[in-house]
Amino acid sequence: SKKEFMFDAEHFFDGYKSNPDYAIACIKAAYDEGARWVVLCDTNGGTLPNEVSNIVSEVTKIIPGKNLGIHAHNDTGNAVSNSLVAVLAGVRQVQGTINGLGERCGNANLMSLIPTFYLKKEFSSKFEINMNSENIKNLTQCSRLLDEILNRKPNKHLPYVGAAAFSHKGGLHVSAVQKDPKTYEHINPEDVGNTRNIVISDQSGKSNIISRLKSIQIDIEENDPKIKKLLNEVKDREFIGYSYDGADASFELLARRIISGVPRYISISEYDVSVKKDASGEIVSTAKAQLEVDGEKIICEGVGNGPVNALDNAIRNNVERLAKYSTYLKDLKLVDYKVRILNTGTEAVTRVSIESTDAKGKNWFTIGVSTNIIDASFKALIDSLDYKLFKDNAPASIQ
């Protein structure tokens, strides 16, 4: 039979610390009765790596390591570490979950364990892993696909596969990475299907700007005065509340407008948004916007569960009326909307971030800043439309 009997020893580590003889007797009974795998579980996640290493070493004196597994929880933030030291101490089966999902603080994250086993010499030189090495390059895609299926926002700070795992912000860091990536990257991002990201912020230097421009296929000489102009513009905008760390589409539009120009697509000369409470007690938001394409004025109206949603619907529900742009915008979808109040008081500055996507599965982020939340939202929304039209090579509007 190809079936393998697996005995999960729940609370094993706590049991061992309380009564080692009894804990060993339990798992030995399972092994003696033919269990192929005896899995040592840190069920409440409170065991530390040094404890796991010592206890597993003791267990291997009774049960061969080739029959042992580890099941770690992350309640002390050590699930991955505990799994790794358990392997070094003798276990040969590792349990975990994609992105570390699990009860309470989660389980051991396979998206960290798998590349560590394959890409770190301490493990790759000693062990054979039951997985096709070519699939390692699909880890980032796998991680984000699960989040998409579960409708969860990806954790950009996940090791190896997170969007920030290979992000560089400080000017000196970026300059060093360009000379030798190993200075600030422990592996090649492409090995796990991830990419290097140069963050643009008020800490950015010339190296950040040039590197980021190259990543979006903008070729420019290092001494071109437009680079200095762009850097100053970024810093001026961040002073009033903009943040291009994570607003890739808005930065690209800003850069292209300064360096090479972006076609004019849809002009929105006026808009009106209202919120009212009707007799039934329902709050209704309506929006009306005047758009202009090829000199023709188009009035768009929409209703939503909030002013921004109403404004978005006003444009989206009238896509077919936008003449030559209708085919480009019909698959545009707003994925996420975030508001951050940057200071206090009734005149506080508001920063709005919008995440958009289309049928190709490409996600992009835009940003808007204003003392008025509707205006800030509107700026981010317009950048989203412009970016979609630009990346799809839509024709410019006839002035």
Protein backbone atom coordinates (compact mmCIF):
# COMPACT_ATOMS: atom_id res chain seq x y z
CA SER A 1 0.00 0.00 0.00
CA LYS A 2 1.17 3.56 -0.79
CA LYS A 3 -0.57 4.98 2.24
CA GLU A 4 1.60 6.14 5.11
CA PHE A 5 0.33 6.26 8.67
CA MET A 6 1.14 9.59 10.30
CA PHE A 7 0.90 10.18 14.03
CA ASP A 8 0.57 13.87 14.99
CA ALA A 9 1.72 14.22 18.58
CA GLU A 10 -0.34 17.24 19.66
CA HIS A 11 1.25 19.37 22.42
CA PHE A 12 4.35 17.19 22.27
CA PHE A 13 6.88 19.85 23.24
CA ASP A 14 4.84 21.10 26.19
CA GLY A 15 4.26 17.51 27.22
CA TYR A 16 7.95 16.73 26.98
CA LYS A 17 8.89 19.75 29.10
CA SER A 18 6.34 18.65 31.70
CA ASN A 19 7.02 14.90 31.65
CA PRO A 20 9.67 13.77 29.14
CA ASP A 21 9.41 10.05 29.91
CA TYR A 22 5.66 9.95 29.31
CA ALA A 23 5.91 12.07 26.13
CA ILE A 24 8.59 9.75 24.72
CA ALA A 25 6.56 6.67 25.68
CA CYS A 26 3.54 8.00 23.76
CA ILE A 27 5.35 8.62 20.47
CA LYS A 28 7.40 5.40 20.78
CA ALA A 29 4.17 3.42 21.09
CA ALA A 30 2.95 4.96 17.82
CA TYR A 31 6.26 4.25 16.11
CA ASP A 32 6.38 0.67 17.40
CA GLU A 33 2.87 0.07 16.04
CA GLY A 34 4.01 1.02 12.54
CA ALA A 35 3.61 4.79 12.21
CA ARG A 36 5.65 5.90 9.19
CA TRP A 37 5.80 9.46 10.52
CA VAL A 38 5.75 10.70 14.08
CA VAL A 39 5.13 14.45 13.89
CA LEU A 40 6.28 16.51 16.84
CA CYS A 41 3.82 19.38 17.32
CA ASP A 42 4.46 22.68 19.07
CA THR A 43 0.72 23.17 19.34
CA ASN A 44 0.63 26.38 21.37
CA GLY A 45 3.69 27.82 19.63
CA GLY A 46 5.53 28.68 22.82
CA THR A 47 8.65 26.56 22.39
CA LEU A 48 11.86 28.39 21.44
CA PRO A 49 14.42 27.25 18.83
CA ASN A 50 17.04 26.15 21.35
CA GLU A 51 14.43 24.03 23.12
CA VAL A 52 13.25 22.46 19.87
CA SER A 53 16.81 21.61 18.90
CA ASN A 54 17.58 19.99 22.26
CA ILE A 55 14.31 18.05 22.48
CA VAL A 56 14.46 16.74 18.91
CA SER A 57 18.05 15.62 19.49
CA GLU A 58 16.84 13.59 22.48
CA VAL A 59 13.92 12.12 20.52
CA THR A 60 16.22 10.93 17.70
CA LYS A 61 17.96 8.69 20.23
CA ILE A 62 14.68 6.74 20.48
CA ILE A 63 13.05 7.21 17.05
CA PRO A 64 15.08 7.60 13.83
CA GLY A 65 15.04 11.08 12.32
CA LYS A 66 13.81 9.65 9.00
CA ASN A 67 10.53 8.93 10.78
CA LEU A 68 10.14 12.29 12.47
CA GLY A 69 8.29 15.44 11.42
CA ILE A 70 7.85 18.94 12.83
CA HIS A 71 4.64 20.97 13.10
CA ALA A 72 5.33 24.48 14.41
CA HIS A 73 3.05 27.39 15.31
CA ASN A 74 4.14 31.00 15.20
CA ASP A 75 3.03 32.35 18.58
CA THR A 76 6.56 33.53 19.41
CA GLY A 77 7.41 34.40 15.81
CA ASN A 78 9.67 31.33 15.64
CA ALA A 79 7.69 28.81 13.55
CA VAL A 80 10.13 28.95 10.64
CA SER A 81 13.18 28.97 12.93
CA ASN A 82 11.81 26.03 14.92
CA SER A 83 11.22 24.07 11.73
CA LEU A 84 14.75 24.75 10.48
CA VAL A 85 16.49 23.75 13.72
CA ALA A 86 14.31 20.64 13.90
CA VAL A 87 15.57 19.60 10.47
CA LEU A 88 19.17 20.22 11.52
CA ALA A 89 18.50 18.13 14.64
CA GLY A 90 17.18 15.21 12.59
CA VAL A 91 13.54 15.47 11.49
CA ARG A 92 12.78 14.78 7.83
CA GLN A 93 9.21 15.96 7.37
CA VAL A 94 8.20 19.61 7.72
CA GLN A 95 4.61 20.78 7.96
CA GLY A 96 3.52 24.34 7.20
CA THR A 97 1.12 26.50 5.23
CA ILE A 98 1.32 28.93 2.32
CA ASN A 99 1.96 32.44 3.70
CA GLY A 100 1.97 30.96 7.21
CA LEU A 101 -1.82 31.02 7.46
CA GLY A 102 -3.24 29.30 10.51
CA GLU A 103 -5.00 29.75 13.82
CA ARG A 104 -3.89 32.51 16.18
CA CYS A 105 -0.50 33.71 14.91
CA GLY A 106 -0.27 31.16 12.11
CA ASN A 107 1.85 28.16 11.18
CA ALA A 108 5.32 27.77 9.74
CA ASN A 109 5.42 29.67 6.45
CA LEU A 110 6.24 27.37 3.54
CA MET A 111 7.04 30.43 1.42
CA SER A 112 10.03 30.98 3.72
CA LEU A 113 10.95 27.36 4.38
CA ILE A 114 11.02 26.09 0.80
CA PRO A 115 13.45 28.69 -0.61
CA THR A 116 15.62 28.38 2.50
CA PHE A 117 15.95 24.64 1.94
CA TYR A 118 16.82 25.16 -1.73
CA LEU A 119 18.86 28.35 -1.73
CA LYS A 120 20.80 28.26 1.54
CA LYS A 121 23.91 26.08 1.38
CA GLU A 122 23.54 24.87 4.97
CA PHE A 123 20.46 22.95 3.82
CA SER A 124 20.84 22.46 0.05
CA SER A 125 24.24 20.79 0.46
CA LYS A 126 22.97 18.33 3.07
CA PHE A 127 19.41 17.43 2.11
CA GLU A 128 17.32 16.35 -0.84
CA ILE A 129 13.94 18.06 -1.02
CA ASN A 130 10.90 16.29 -2.42
CA MET A 131 9.99 19.12 -4.79
CA ASN A 132 10.86 20.16 -8.35
CA SER A 133 13.52 22.87 -8.09
CA GLU A 134 12.13 24.60 -11.19
CA ASN A 135 8.97 25.39 -9.24
CA ILE A 136 10.87 27.63 -6.82
CA LYS A 137 10.48 30.47 -9.32
CA ASN A 138 6.71 30.19 -8.91
CA LEU A 139 6.72 30.83 -5.16
CA THR A 140 5.90 34.55 -5.33
CA GLN A 141 3.07 33.90 -7.77
CA CYS A 142 1.78 31.07 -5.57
CA SER A 143 1.83 33.28 -2.48
CA ARG A 144 -0.09 36.11 -4.13
CA LEU A 145 -2.52 33.79 -5.87
CA LEU A 146 -3.67 32.38 -2.54
CA ASP A 147 -4.20 35.88 -1.16
CA GLU A 148 -6.22 36.74 -4.24
CA ILE A 149 -8.38 33.61 -3.88
CA LEU A 150 -8.96 34.41 -0.19
CA ASN A 151 -9.51 38.11 -0.96
CA ARG A 152 -6.72 39.03 1.46
CA LYS A 153 -4.35 41.91 0.98
CA PRO A 154 -0.85 40.44 0.53
CA ASN A 155 1.65 41.05 3.31
CA LYS A 156 4.33 43.00 1.46
CA HIS A 157 6.84 42.33 4.23
CA LEU A 158 6.89 38.53 3.86
CA PRO A 159 10.43 37.18 3.43
CA TYR A 160 11.37 36.08 -0.09
CA VAL A 161 7.94 36.66 -1.70
CA GLY A 162 6.70 39.97 -0.26
CA ALA A 163 6.59 43.08 -2.42
CA ALA A 164 9.00 44.81 -0.02
CA ALA A 165 11.39 41.85 0.33
CA PHE A 166 13.77 43.36 -2.22
CA SER A 167 12.81 47.03 -1.95
CA HIS A 168 15.52 49.66 -1.54
CA LYS A 169 14.91 53.22 -0.40
CA GLY A 170 18.03 55.00 0.83
CA GLY A 171 20.19 56.53 -1.91
CA LEU A 172 23.38 54.86 -0.67
CA HIS A 173 21.61 51.50 -0.51
CA VAL A 174 20.38 51.81 -4.08
CA SER A 175 23.80 52.85 -5.32
CA ALA A 176 25.38 49.86 -3.56
CA VAL A 177 22.79 47.41 -4.92
CA GLN A 178 23.44 48.63 -8.45
CA LYS A 179 27.16 47.96 -8.01
CA ASP A 180 26.72 44.63 -6.23
CA PRO A 181 23.22 43.32 -5.38
CA LYS A 182 24.66 41.11 -2.64
CA THR A 183 25.25 44.18 -0.48
CA TYR A 184 21.54 44.37 0.37
CA GLU A 185 19.98 41.24 -1.21
CA HIS A 186 20.66 37.83 0.30
CA ILE A 187 19.47 36.04 -2.87
CA ASN A 188 18.61 36.96 -6.45
CA PRO A 189 14.91 38.05 -6.37
CA GLU A 190 14.24 36.23 -9.63
CA ASP A 191 15.16 32.91 -7.98
CA VAL A 192 11.79 32.99 -6.18
CA GLY A 193 9.88 34.86 -8.89
CA ASN A 194 10.13 38.21 -7.12
CA THR A 195 11.55 41.51 -8.40
CA ARG A 196 13.77 44.28 -7.13
CA ASN A 197 11.90 47.47 -6.27
CA ILE A 198 13.53 50.88 -6.04
CA VAL A 199 11.42 53.03 -3.73
CA ILE A 200 11.01 56.70 -4.53
CA SER A 201 10.68 58.94 -1.48
CA ASP A 202 12.06 62.08 0.10
CA GLN A 203 15.08 59.98 1.04
CA SER A 204 15.73 59.21 -2.61
CA GLY A 205 18.92 60.20 -4.32
CA LYS A 206 19.92 60.33 -7.95
CA SER A 207 20.65 56.60 -7.91
CA ASN A 208 17.06 55.80 -6.89
CA ILE A 209 15.59 57.93 -9.65
CA ILE A 210 17.84 56.54 -12.39
CA SER A 211 17.30 52.95 -11.29
CA ARG A 212 13.54 53.41 -11.10
CA LEU A 213 13.47 55.04 -14.54
CA LYS A 214 15.38 52.12 -16.02
CA SER A 215 12.88 49.68 -14.48
CA ILE A 216 10.06 51.39 -16.41
CA GLN A 217 12.09 51.50 -19.63
CA ILE A 218 12.92 55.21 -19.59
CA ASP A 219 16.44 55.71 -20.93
CA ILE A 220 18.03 58.97 -19.88
CA GLU A 221 21.56 60.24 -19.40
CA GLU A 222 22.73 60.47 -15.80
CA ASN A 223 23.57 64.15 -16.17
CA ASP A 224 20.28 65.10 -17.80
CA PRO A 225 18.85 68.11 -15.89
CA LYS A 226 15.39 66.49 -16.01
CA ILE A 227 16.56 63.99 -13.40
CA LYS A 228 17.28 66.81 -10.97
CA LYS A 229 13.93 68.37 -11.84
CA LEU A 230 12.13 65.08 -11.19
CA LEU A 231 13.94 64.53 -7.89
CA ASN A 232 13.05 68.03 -6.71
CA GLU A 233 9.43 67.53 -7.78
CA VAL A 234 9.20 64.28 -5.81
CA LYS A 235 10.61 65.93 -2.70
CA ASP A 236 8.33 68.97 -3.07
CA ARG A 237 5.29 66.73 -3.41
CA GLU A 238 6.26 64.56 -0.46
CA PHE A 239 6.58 67.73 1.61
CA ILE A 240 2.87 68.41 1.05
CA GLY A 241 1.82 64.81 1.74
CA TYR A 242 2.49 62.67 -1.34
CA SER A 243 4.26 59.37 -0.89
CA TYR A 244 5.43 57.44 -3.94
CA ASP A 245 6.51 54.48 -1.83
CA GLY A 246 3.94 52.02 -3.20
CA ALA A 247 2.34 54.41 -5.71
CA ASP A 248 4.18 53.06 -8.74
CA ALA A 249 1.72 54.21 -11.38
CA SER A 250 1.51 57.79 -10.09
CA PHE A 251 5.30 58.00 -10.00
CA GLU A 252 5.62 56.70 -13.56
CA LEU A 253 3.10 59.24 -14.81
CA LEU A 254 4.91 62.05 -12.97
CA ALA A 255 8.27 60.95 -14.38
CA ARG A 256 7.03 60.61 -17.93
CA ARG A 257 5.24 63.97 -17.83
CA ILE A 258 8.51 65.66 -16.84
CA ILE A 259 10.87 63.67 -19.07
CA SER A 260 8.98 62.78 -22.21
CA GLY A 261 5.37 63.77 -21.80
CA VAL A 262 2.14 61.80 -21.41
CA PRO A 263 -0.69 62.21 -23.93
CA ARG A 264 -3.83 63.98 -22.85
CA TYR A 265 -6.69 61.52 -22.71
CA ILE A 266 -9.82 62.38 -20.76
CA SER A 267 -10.21 65.87 -19.37
CA ILE A 268 -12.57 66.35 -16.44
CA SER A 269 -13.43 70.01 -16.16
CA GLU A 270 -16.14 69.83 -13.50
CA TYR A 271 -17.60 67.42 -11.00
CA ASP A 272 -20.22 67.59 -8.29
CA VAL A 273 -20.67 65.15 -5.44
CA SER A 274 -23.49 65.16 -2.91
CA VAL A 275 -24.43 63.01 0.07
CA LYS A 276 -27.93 62.96 1.52
CA LYS A 277 -30.07 60.96 3.88
CA ASP A 278 -33.48 60.07 2.46
CA ALA A 279 -36.81 59.61 4.29
CA SER A 280 -36.10 55.93 4.88
CA GLY A 281 -32.85 56.76 6.64
CA GLU A 282 -30.64 55.48 3.83
CA ILE A 283 -27.59 57.56 3.00
CA VAL A 284 -27.24 58.05 -0.76
CA SER A 285 -24.22 59.48 -2.55
CA THR A 286 -24.51 60.85 -6.07
CA ALA A 287 -21.87 62.22 -8.41
CA LYS A 288 -21.95 64.17 -11.65
CA ALA A 289 -18.85 64.78 -13.75
CA GLN A 290 -18.25 66.62 -17.01
CA LEU A 291 -15.72 64.78 -19.14
CA GLU A 292 -14.20 65.91 -22.40
CA VAL A 293 -12.88 63.67 -25.18
CA ASP A 294 -11.82 65.03 -28.58
CA GLY A 295 -13.46 68.33 -27.72
CA GLU A 296 -16.81 66.72 -26.96
CA LYS A 297 -18.30 67.26 -23.49
CA ILE A 298 -19.86 64.19 -21.86
CA ILE A 299 -21.97 64.40 -18.69
CA CYS A 300 -21.63 61.31 -16.49
CA GLU A 301 -23.72 60.55 -13.42
CA GLY A 302 -23.48 57.80 -10.85
CA VAL A 303 -24.73 56.62 -7.48
CA GLY A 304 -22.70 54.80 -4.84
CA ASN A 305 -22.43 53.81 -1.20
CA GLY A 306 -20.08 56.73 -0.66
CA PRO A 307 -18.94 59.84 -2.55
CA VAL A 308 -15.84 58.20 -4.01
CA ASN A 309 -17.76 55.11 -5.08
CA ALA A 310 -20.37 57.37 -6.69
CA LEU A 311 -17.69 59.29 -8.59
CA ASP A 312 -16.06 56.05 -9.71
CA ASN A 313 -19.45 54.71 -10.86
CA ALA A 314 -20.22 57.94 -12.68
CA ILE A 315 -17.21 57.31 -14.90
CA ARG A 316 -17.41 53.51 -15.01
CA ASN A 317 -21.14 53.35 -15.82
CA ASN A 318 -20.63 55.68 -18.77
CA VAL A 319 -17.60 54.01 -20.29
CA GLU A 320 -19.49 53.23 -23.50
CA ARG A 321 -20.01 56.95 -24.02
CA LEU A 322 -16.30 57.70 -23.87
CA ALA A 323 -15.92 57.10 -27.60
CA LYS A 324 -12.49 55.69 -28.48
CA TYR A 325 -11.58 55.00 -24.83
CA SER A 326 -14.50 52.70 -24.04
CA THR A 327 -12.68 49.53 -25.09
CA TYR A 328 -9.66 50.45 -22.97
CA LEU A 329 -11.55 51.20 -19.77
CA LYS A 330 -14.33 48.61 -19.71
CA ASP A 331 -12.18 46.08 -17.81
CA LEU A 332 -10.84 48.63 -15.31
CA LYS A 333 -11.62 47.67 -11.73
CA LEU A 334 -10.96 49.44 -8.43
CA VAL A 335 -9.52 46.86 -6.03
CA ASP A 336 -8.68 48.83 -2.90
CA TYR A 337 -9.16 52.33 -1.54
CA LYS A 338 -7.29 53.75 1.45
CA VAL A 339 -7.49 57.09 3.22
CA ARG A 340 -4.88 58.49 5.57
CA ILE A 341 -5.25 61.73 7.48
CA LEU A 342 -1.81 63.33 7.61
CA ASN A 343 -2.38 65.90 10.34
CA THR A 344 -5.08 67.05 12.73
CA GLY A 345 -7.89 69.56 12.65
CA THR A 346 -10.78 70.24 10.31
CA GLU A 347 -8.35 71.40 7.60
CA ALA A 348 -6.27 68.23 7.78
CA VAL A 349 -4.48 67.07 4.64
CA THR A 350 -5.79 63.78 3.27
CA ARG A 351 -3.83 61.19 1.29
CA VAL A 352 -5.81 58.72 -0.79
CA SER A 353 -4.33 55.58 -2.32
CA ILE A 354 -6.18 53.55 -4.94
CA GLU A 355 -5.29 50.07 -6.20
CA SER A 356 -6.66 49.19 -9.63
CA THR A 357 -6.54 46.18 -11.90
CA ASP A 358 -7.71 45.01 -15.32
CA ALA A 359 -8.48 41.83 -17.22
CA LYS A 360 -4.76 41.18 -17.75
CA GLY A 361 -4.30 40.81 -14.00
CA LYS A 362 -1.97 43.80 -13.78
CA ASN A 363 -2.37 45.79 -10.55
CA TRP A 364 -1.23 49.38 -10.17
CA PHE A 365 -1.33 51.99 -7.41
CA THR A 366 -2.10 55.69 -7.63
CA ILE A 367 -2.20 58.49 -5.10
CA GLY A 368 -3.91 61.82 -4.52
CA VAL A 369 -3.41 64.49 -1.82
CA SER A 370 -5.65 67.39 -0.86
CA THR A 371 -7.29 69.09 2.11
CA ASN A 372 -10.52 67.76 0.61
CA ILE A 373 -11.02 63.99 0.71
CA ILE A 374 -13.13 64.03 -2.47
CA ASP A 375 -10.52 66.00 -4.38
CA ALA A 376 -7.74 63.71 -3.16
CA SER A 377 -9.76 60.67 -4.23
CA PHE A 378 -10.48 62.27 -7.57
CA LYS A 379 -6.78 62.91 -8.26
CA ALA A 380 -5.92 59.28 -7.48
CA LEU A 381 -8.80 58.07 -9.64
CA ILE A 382 -7.75 60.21 -12.63
CA ASP A 383 -4.17 58.96 -12.34
CA SER A 384 -5.55 55.41 -12.44
CA LEU A 385 -7.48 56.14 -15.65
CA ASP A 386 -4.50 57.86 -17.26
CA TYR A 387 -2.15 55.02 -16.36
CA LYS A 388 -4.50 52.41 -17.77
CA LEU A 389 -4.84 54.32 -21.04
CA PHE A 390 -1.10 54.97 -21.25
CA LYS A 391 0.01 51.39 -20.66
CA ASP A 392 -2.52 50.16 -23.21
CA ASN A 393 -1.20 52.65 -25.80
CA ALA A 394 -4.53 54.44 -26.16
CA PRO A 395 -4.54 57.32 -28.69
CA ALA A 396 -4.35 60.87 -27.41
CA SER A 397 -7.41 63.04 -27.31
CA ILE A 398 -7.72 65.53 -30.16
CA GLN A 399 -7.44 68.99 -28.67
